Amino acid sequence: MDIPKTMMAVVKTKRERGAEYLQVPVPEVGPDEALIKVHATAICGTDIHAYQWNAWAQNNFERSFSKLPRIMGHEFSGEVIVIGDRVSNVKIGQKVCCETHIPCGNCYQCRTGNPHNCLHVKRFKDGIYGDYCLVPANMLVVLPDEMSYDIATVIEPLSVATHAASKVRMVGDTVFVVGAGPIGLFTIAVAKAMGASFIYVSDISEYRRNLALQAGATKVLDPSQVDVVKEILNDTDGLGCGTVFDTSGNVGAIKQGFEALRKCGHMVMVGLPSKPLVLEAANDIIWKEATIHGIHGKEEFMSWEISKGLLASGRLDISNLITHRFKMSQFKEAFELAESGFSGKIILYPDALVE
């Protein structure tokens, strides 16, 4: 395959709102790296933060990723076209996606089986919103040929949901998912695939409540219109839900999740609260003998394999949760839609693949 010297990419160039669509060099491949021809990418919450250049981005983006300018994005799928001299785990022509948290392999967490919580975690050298991207080959996940690039692109965020869902047993049980953003929608779909018998979902957005029903929710609730906790307790004869997933990060909604949690239940916390969370420790945790799980990313690479297995089995279908598609050059329109909340997952394609 002839590889050009330059490519088009969405680049964060300034410490302010927005980004630019620029011509940049195609990266050179190191001995442990792979060059991927990008077929599809997706917008993640951290990408929205970076695009807005909000307080989170100002405090974290350059520290966690790299100094500007930087190509944006990290969720993608594509085809391996060049591999480094020391690479043996992938072959040219394979369909792949990629783990985005790169562990050091040497710290306490890595050496004790928790590389997803590496103390010195790194990210890609650059982002993936371009015609090509360069990634560490050992982080690649090889996919079956029959899997679409769209689905392959969202396995990374889907695997956050499978990691969260794998912490608990939901077969035949009642579940409450707080928040129906993209991760919440994936969590609903995975909970249904893993045998949850009844799934409550709360979200103030009618659009997202409708998506939640498509994902597999049994009953959706608008917390601005009804007393969510009272509704759930009434339905369950006062017991509440055996498992509650918070994917909202909203401290008021999280408190409702604890109040709706059944005694001896499991609270799985995925969303990142924007301010301190206040709980009644006695009522919400101690007397309930609640188990609380904090979820950071996904297990490398167990969560990926669970996601692949669920998709391959046909028990999990997330195609309807990908709601919008754009060319890469239309990134501004795509990000404005993502900010609006009137979307599920949004896919961006390199322009050369759709023209």
Protein backbone atom coordinates (compact mmCIF):
# COMPACT_ATOMS: atom_id res chain seq x y z
CA MET A 1 0.00 0.00 0.00
CA ASP A 2 1.33 3.42 -0.97
CA ILE A 3 1.37 5.64 2.11
CA PRO A 4 1.37 9.40 1.58
CA LYS A 5 3.74 11.69 3.46
CA THR A 6 0.90 13.87 4.76
CA MET A 7 -2.69 13.40 5.91
CA MET A 8 -5.66 15.43 7.11
CA ALA A 9 -6.43 15.47 10.84
CA VAL A 10 -8.47 17.28 13.51
CA VAL A 11 -5.88 19.11 15.63
CA LYS A 12 -6.24 20.90 18.94
CA THR A 13 -3.94 23.87 18.37
CA LYS A 14 -4.93 26.46 20.98
CA ARG A 15 -5.87 26.56 24.65
CA GLU A 16 -9.38 27.70 23.85
CA ARG A 17 -12.63 26.30 22.46
CA GLY A 18 -12.45 24.52 19.11
CA ALA A 19 -9.96 22.69 16.89
CA GLU A 20 -8.68 22.85 13.30
CA TYR A 21 -8.74 20.52 10.31
CA LEU A 22 -5.15 20.55 9.11
CA GLN A 23 -2.66 18.80 6.84
CA VAL A 24 -0.04 17.09 9.02
CA PRO A 25 2.76 14.55 8.49
CA VAL A 26 1.91 10.84 8.51
CA PRO A 27 3.80 9.51 11.57
CA GLU A 28 6.85 7.29 11.22
CA VAL A 29 6.67 3.81 12.76
CA GLY A 30 8.94 2.81 15.61
CA PRO A 31 10.08 -0.78 16.31
CA ASP A 32 7.21 -1.54 18.74
CA GLU A 33 4.51 0.43 16.96
CA ALA A 34 1.90 -0.05 14.25
CA LEU A 35 0.54 2.39 11.71
CA ILE A 36 -3.21 2.03 11.28
CA LYS A 37 -5.29 3.21 8.35
CA VAL A 38 -8.22 4.73 10.22
CA HIS A 39 -11.67 3.62 9.05
CA ALA A 40 -13.85 5.10 11.81
CA THR A 41 -13.51 7.12 15.02
CA ALA A 42 -15.92 8.11 17.80
CA ILE A 43 -16.43 11.09 20.08
CA CYS A 44 -15.85 10.48 23.79
CA GLY A 45 -16.64 12.70 26.77
CA THR A 46 -12.97 13.59 27.20
CA ASP A 47 -12.87 14.70 23.56
CA ILE A 48 -15.77 17.06 24.29
CA HIS A 49 -13.88 18.46 27.30
CA ALA A 50 -10.83 19.06 25.12
CA TYR A 51 -12.89 20.66 22.37
CA GLN A 52 -14.56 23.01 24.87
CA TRP A 53 -11.28 23.61 26.71
CA ASN A 54 -13.24 23.69 29.95
CA ALA A 55 -11.87 23.52 33.49
CA TRP A 56 -11.26 19.77 33.27
CA ALA A 57 -9.27 20.16 30.06
CA GLN A 58 -7.30 23.10 31.41
CA ASN A 59 -6.28 21.07 34.46
CA ASN A 60 -5.81 17.63 32.92
CA PHE A 61 -5.50 17.46 29.15
CA GLU A 62 -1.86 18.37 28.57
CA ARG A 63 -0.79 16.57 31.73
CA SER A 64 -2.58 13.36 30.72
CA PHE A 65 -1.98 13.43 26.98
CA SER A 66 0.65 15.80 25.55
CA LYS A 67 1.36 19.45 24.94
CA LEU A 68 -0.52 21.24 22.19
CA PRO A 69 -0.75 21.04 19.25
CA ARG A 70 -2.15 17.50 19.37
CA ILE A 71 -4.37 15.46 17.08
CA MET A 72 -7.62 14.82 18.95
CA GLY A 73 -9.45 11.56 19.66
CA HIS A 74 -8.72 8.07 20.99
CA GLU A 75 -11.64 5.76 20.07
CA PHE A 76 -11.10 4.22 16.63
CA SER A 77 -10.95 1.17 14.41
CA GLY A 78 -8.92 0.51 11.31
CA GLU A 79 -6.57 -1.70 9.34
CA VAL A 80 -2.94 -2.49 10.16
CA ILE A 81 -0.76 -1.27 7.27
CA VAL A 82 2.77 -1.02 8.75
CA ILE A 83 4.33 -2.77 11.76
CA GLY A 84 7.62 -2.15 13.52
CA ASP A 85 10.57 -4.54 13.43
CA ARG A 86 9.83 -6.02 16.88
CA VAL A 87 6.06 -6.44 16.43
CA SER A 88 4.72 -10.01 16.34
CA ASN A 89 1.20 -9.85 17.82
CA VAL A 90 -0.53 -8.34 14.77
CA LYS A 91 -0.22 -8.73 11.00
CA ILE A 92 -0.63 -6.33 8.13
CA GLY A 93 -4.22 -6.30 6.88
CA GLN A 94 -5.87 -7.20 10.19
CA LYS A 95 -8.91 -5.28 11.46
CA VAL A 96 -8.18 -3.75 14.85
CA CYS A 97 -9.20 -1.37 17.60
CA CYS A 98 -7.02 -0.36 20.54
CA GLU A 99 -6.74 -0.04 24.31
CA THR A 100 -6.06 3.61 25.04
CA HIS A 101 -4.51 3.38 28.54
CA ILE A 102 -0.90 2.25 28.17
CA PRO A 103 0.49 0.71 31.39
CA CYS A 104 4.16 0.98 32.34
CA GLY A 105 4.40 -2.74 33.19
CA ASN A 106 6.68 -2.11 36.19
CA CYS A 107 4.71 -0.37 38.95
CA TYR A 108 2.97 -2.09 41.86
CA GLN A 109 -0.42 -2.12 40.12
CA CYS A 110 0.96 -3.57 36.89
CA ARG A 111 2.94 -6.25 38.72
CA THR A 112 -0.06 -7.32 40.82
CA GLY A 113 -2.54 -7.83 37.99
CA ASN A 114 -4.14 -4.38 37.74
CA PRO A 115 -2.46 -2.67 34.77
CA HIS A 116 -5.66 -0.72 34.03
CA ASN A 117 -4.88 1.20 37.23
CA CYS A 118 -1.20 1.69 36.40
CA LEU A 119 0.46 4.37 38.53
CA HIS A 120 2.28 5.76 35.49
CA VAL A 121 -0.32 5.24 32.76
CA LYS A 122 0.41 6.88 29.42
CA ARG A 123 -1.63 7.70 26.31
CA PHE A 124 -0.89 7.56 22.58
CA LYS A 125 1.86 9.86 21.30
CA ASP A 126 -0.82 11.64 19.32
CA GLY A 127 -4.55 11.29 18.71
CA ILE A 128 -6.45 9.37 16.04
CA TYR A 129 -8.77 11.85 14.29
CA GLY A 130 -6.91 11.53 11.00
CA ASP A 131 -6.40 9.37 7.94
CA TYR A 132 -3.76 7.32 9.82
CA CYS A 133 -2.72 6.87 13.44
CA LEU A 134 0.31 5.49 15.25
CA VAL A 135 -0.21 3.27 18.31
CA PRO A 136 1.75 0.79 20.47
CA ALA A 137 1.23 -2.57 18.76
CA ASN A 138 0.85 -4.46 22.04
CA MET A 139 -2.27 -2.42 22.83
CA LEU A 140 -4.09 -3.48 19.65
CA VAL A 141 -7.15 -5.74 19.78
CA VAL A 142 -7.61 -7.95 16.71
CA LEU A 143 -11.22 -8.22 15.52
CA PRO A 144 -13.13 -10.65 13.32
CA ASP A 145 -13.43 -9.65 9.67
CA GLU A 146 -17.22 -9.75 9.84
CA MET A 147 -17.41 -7.04 12.53
CA SER A 148 -18.23 -3.60 11.11
CA TYR A 149 -15.79 -0.74 11.64
CA ASP A 150 -18.56 1.24 13.33
CA ILE A 151 -19.07 -1.40 16.03
CA ALA A 152 -15.33 -1.95 16.33
CA THR A 153 -14.85 1.75 17.02
CA VAL A 154 -17.11 1.74 20.08
CA ILE A 155 -15.81 -1.45 21.70
CA GLU A 156 -13.50 0.71 23.83
CA PRO A 157 -16.33 2.60 25.62
CA LEU A 158 -18.49 -0.54 25.54
CA SER A 159 -15.74 -2.29 27.48
CA VAL A 160 -16.04 0.28 30.27
CA ALA A 161 -19.64 -0.93 30.62
CA THR A 162 -18.67 -4.61 30.52
CA HIS A 163 -15.98 -3.96 33.14
CA ALA A 164 -18.58 -2.31 35.39
CA ALA A 165 -21.17 -5.04 34.77
CA SER A 166 -18.66 -7.81 35.45
CA LYS A 167 -18.29 -6.63 39.06
CA VAL A 168 -21.78 -7.87 39.98
CA ARG A 169 -24.25 -10.70 39.43
CA MET A 170 -27.42 -9.46 37.72
CA VAL A 171 -29.09 -12.67 36.52
CA GLY A 172 -32.78 -12.43 37.39
CA ASP A 173 -32.25 -9.27 39.44
CA THR A 174 -33.50 -5.68 39.35
CA VAL A 175 -31.04 -3.01 38.17
CA PHE A 176 -31.09 0.79 38.20
CA VAL A 177 -28.91 2.74 35.73
CA VAL A 178 -28.52 6.40 36.66
CA GLY A 179 -27.90 8.47 33.53
CA ALA A 180 -28.42 7.50 29.88
CA GLY A 181 -25.41 9.03 28.18
CA PRO A 182 -23.32 6.78 25.92
CA ILE A 183 -21.74 4.76 28.77
CA GLY A 184 -25.11 4.49 30.49
CA LEU A 185 -26.71 3.22 27.28
CA PHE A 186 -23.99 0.61 26.86
CA THR A 187 -24.45 -0.40 30.52
CA ILE A 188 -28.18 -0.92 29.96
CA ALA A 189 -27.51 -3.12 26.93
CA VAL A 190 -24.88 -5.16 28.76
CA ALA A 191 -27.07 -5.57 31.87
CA LYS A 192 -29.84 -6.96 29.70
CA ALA A 193 -27.41 -9.32 27.94
CA MET A 194 -26.13 -10.50 31.33
CA GLY A 195 -29.61 -11.47 32.51
CA ALA A 196 -31.03 -8.51 34.45
CA SER A 197 -34.78 -9.09 34.78
CA PHE A 198 -35.89 -5.47 35.18
CA ILE A 199 -33.88 -2.33 34.36
CA TYR A 200 -34.85 1.13 35.63
CA VAL A 201 -33.19 4.16 34.02
CA SER A 202 -33.33 7.80 35.06
CA ASP A 203 -32.40 10.76 32.87
CA ILE A 204 -33.81 14.26 32.44
CA SER A 205 -33.51 14.06 28.64
CA GLU A 206 -36.52 12.62 26.82
CA TYR A 207 -34.27 11.88 23.84
CA ARG A 208 -31.95 9.78 25.96
CA ARG A 209 -34.78 8.06 27.81
CA ASN A 210 -36.06 6.89 24.42
CA LEU A 211 -32.58 5.61 23.54
CA ALA A 212 -32.53 3.81 26.90
CA LEU A 213 -35.69 1.93 25.93
CA GLN A 214 -34.04 0.91 22.67
CA ALA A 215 -30.98 -0.26 24.62
CA GLY A 216 -33.12 -2.55 26.79
CA ALA A 217 -34.50 -0.50 29.69
CA THR A 218 -37.74 -1.77 31.16
CA LYS A 219 -38.90 1.51 32.71
CA VAL A 220 -37.53 5.04 32.23
CA LEU A 221 -38.00 7.85 34.74
CA ASP A 222 -37.64 11.63 34.45
CA PRO A 223 -36.16 12.84 37.77
CA SER A 224 -37.40 16.36 37.07
CA GLN A 225 -40.99 15.11 37.00
CA VAL A 226 -41.21 12.16 39.41
CA ASP A 227 -39.71 11.05 42.71
CA VAL A 228 -37.39 8.39 41.29
CA VAL A 229 -36.63 6.73 44.63
CA LYS A 230 -40.29 6.58 45.66
CA GLU A 231 -41.24 5.12 42.27
CA ILE A 232 -38.64 2.35 42.49
CA LEU A 233 -39.40 1.50 46.12
CA ASN A 234 -43.13 1.35 45.41
CA ASP A 235 -42.54 -0.99 42.46
CA THR A 236 -40.26 -3.30 44.47
CA ASP A 237 -42.32 -3.55 47.68
CA GLY A 238 -39.81 -1.32 49.43
CA LEU A 239 -36.79 -3.46 48.62
CA GLY A 240 -35.08 -1.33 45.97
CA CYS A 241 -32.63 -2.54 43.32
CA GLY A 242 -29.95 -5.16 43.79
CA THR A 243 -27.47 -3.27 41.64
CA VAL A 244 -27.26 0.44 40.88
CA PHE A 245 -24.92 1.81 38.21
CA ASP A 246 -24.17 5.51 38.27
CA THR A 247 -22.96 6.74 34.89
CA SER A 248 -24.12 10.34 35.36
CA GLY A 249 -21.57 11.89 37.71
CA ASN A 250 -24.40 14.08 39.03
CA VAL A 251 -24.13 14.15 42.83
CA GLY A 252 -27.90 14.52 43.36
CA ALA A 253 -28.60 11.59 41.06
CA ILE A 254 -25.92 9.50 42.78
CA LYS A 255 -27.61 10.14 46.14
CA GLN A 256 -30.89 8.90 44.62
CA GLY A 257 -29.05 5.80 43.45
CA PHE A 258 -27.88 5.03 46.99
CA GLU A 259 -31.39 5.59 48.34
CA ALA A 260 -32.85 3.20 45.74
CA LEU A 261 -30.23 0.53 46.49
CA ARG A 262 -31.47 -2.63 48.20
CA LYS A 263 -29.94 -3.81 51.47
CA CYS A 264 -26.79 -5.86 50.73
CA GLY A 265 -26.85 -4.45 47.19
CA HIS A 266 -24.02 -3.26 44.95
CA MET A 267 -23.38 0.37 43.97
CA VAL A 268 -21.20 0.57 40.85
CA MET A 269 -19.81 4.06 40.30
CA VAL A 270 -18.69 4.86 36.75
CA GLY A 271 -19.47 8.57 36.34
CA LEU A 272 -17.10 11.26 37.60
CA PRO A 273 -18.79 13.68 40.04
CA SER A 274 -18.10 17.32 39.28
CA LYS A 275 -18.23 18.27 42.98
CA PRO A 276 -18.01 16.52 46.38
CA LEU A 277 -20.59 13.82 47.01
CA VAL A 278 -22.53 14.04 50.30
CA LEU A 279 -24.07 10.80 51.63
CA GLU A 280 -25.71 9.70 54.87
CA ALA A 281 -23.16 7.03 55.65
CA ALA A 282 -25.39 5.20 58.12
CA ASN A 283 -28.52 4.99 55.97
CA ASP A 284 -26.90 4.82 52.53
CA ILE A 285 -24.00 2.46 53.23
CA ILE A 286 -23.53 0.99 56.70
CA TRP A 287 -27.03 -0.19 57.65
CA LYS A 288 -27.56 -1.38 54.11
CA GLU A 289 -24.25 -3.25 54.20
CA ALA A 290 -23.76 -1.87 50.70
CA THR A 291 -20.85 -2.85 48.50
CA ILE A 292 -19.39 0.03 46.49
CA HIS A 293 -17.35 -0.50 43.33
CA GLY A 294 -15.31 2.26 41.72
CA ILE A 295 -14.79 1.76 37.98
CA HIS A 296 -11.78 3.16 36.17
CA GLY A 297 -11.50 2.34 32.49
CA LYS A 298 -11.54 -1.36 31.70
CA GLU A 299 -9.51 -4.44 32.54
CA GLU A 300 -6.73 -5.15 30.07
CA PHE A 301 -7.72 -7.17 28.18
CA MET A 302 -10.48 -9.13 29.89
CA SER A 303 -13.14 -6.45 29.36
CA TRP A 304 -12.35 -6.38 25.63
CA GLU A 305 -12.76 -10.14 25.36
CA ILE A 306 -16.09 -10.05 27.22
CA SER A 307 -17.32 -7.32 24.86
CA LYS A 308 -16.20 -9.27 21.80
CA GLY A 309 -17.83 -12.44 23.11
CA LEU A 310 -21.17 -10.77 23.85
CA LEU A 311 -21.24 -9.14 20.41
CA ALA A 312 -20.26 -12.36 18.62
CA SER A 313 -22.96 -14.33 20.48
CA GLY A 314 -25.70 -12.06 19.19
CA ARG A 315 -26.95 -11.44 22.74
CA LEU A 316 -25.69 -7.87 22.59
CA ASP A 317 -26.68 -5.49 19.80
CA ILE A 318 -25.48 -1.88 20.14
CA SER A 319 -25.92 -0.80 16.52
CA ASN A 320 -28.93 1.39 17.34
CA LEU A 321 -26.88 3.30 19.93
CA ILE A 322 -24.72 4.75 17.15
CA THR A 323 -27.02 7.56 16.13
CA HIS A 324 -25.06 9.97 13.93
CA ARG A 325 -22.23 9.85 11.39
CA PHE A 326 -20.07 12.64 9.94
CA LYS A 327 -17.05 13.15 7.74
CA MET A 328 -13.94 14.17 9.68
CA SER A 329 -14.01 17.63 8.12
CA GLN A 330 -17.48 18.11 9.65
CA PHE A 331 -16.09 17.72 13.17
CA LYS A 332 -17.45 21.08 14.38
CA GLU A 333 -21.02 20.07 13.55
CA ALA A 334 -20.41 16.67 15.19
CA PHE A 335 -19.06 18.18 18.42
CA GLU A 336 -21.90 20.68 18.67
CA LEU A 337 -24.35 17.79 18.37
CA ALA A 338 -22.48 15.80 21.03
CA GLU A 339 -22.60 18.81 23.36
CA SER A 340 -26.36 19.15 22.86
CA GLY A 341 -27.11 15.75 24.38
CA PHE A 342 -29.33 14.79 21.44
CA SER A 343 -27.21 11.87 20.30
CA GLY A 344 -25.93 8.46 21.22
CA LYS A 345 -22.47 7.60 19.95
CA ILE A 346 -21.24 9.77 17.07
CA ILE A 347 -18.91 8.36 14.41
CA LEU A 348 -16.42 10.38 12.34
CA TYR A 349 -14.96 8.95 9.12
CA PRO A 350 -11.85 10.11 7.28
CA ASP A 351 -13.06 12.18 4.32
CA ALA A 352 -11.14 10.07 1.82
CA LEU A 353 -13.28 7.05 2.72
CA VAL A 354 -16.64 8.73 2.11
CA GLU A 355 -15.97 10.99 -0.88
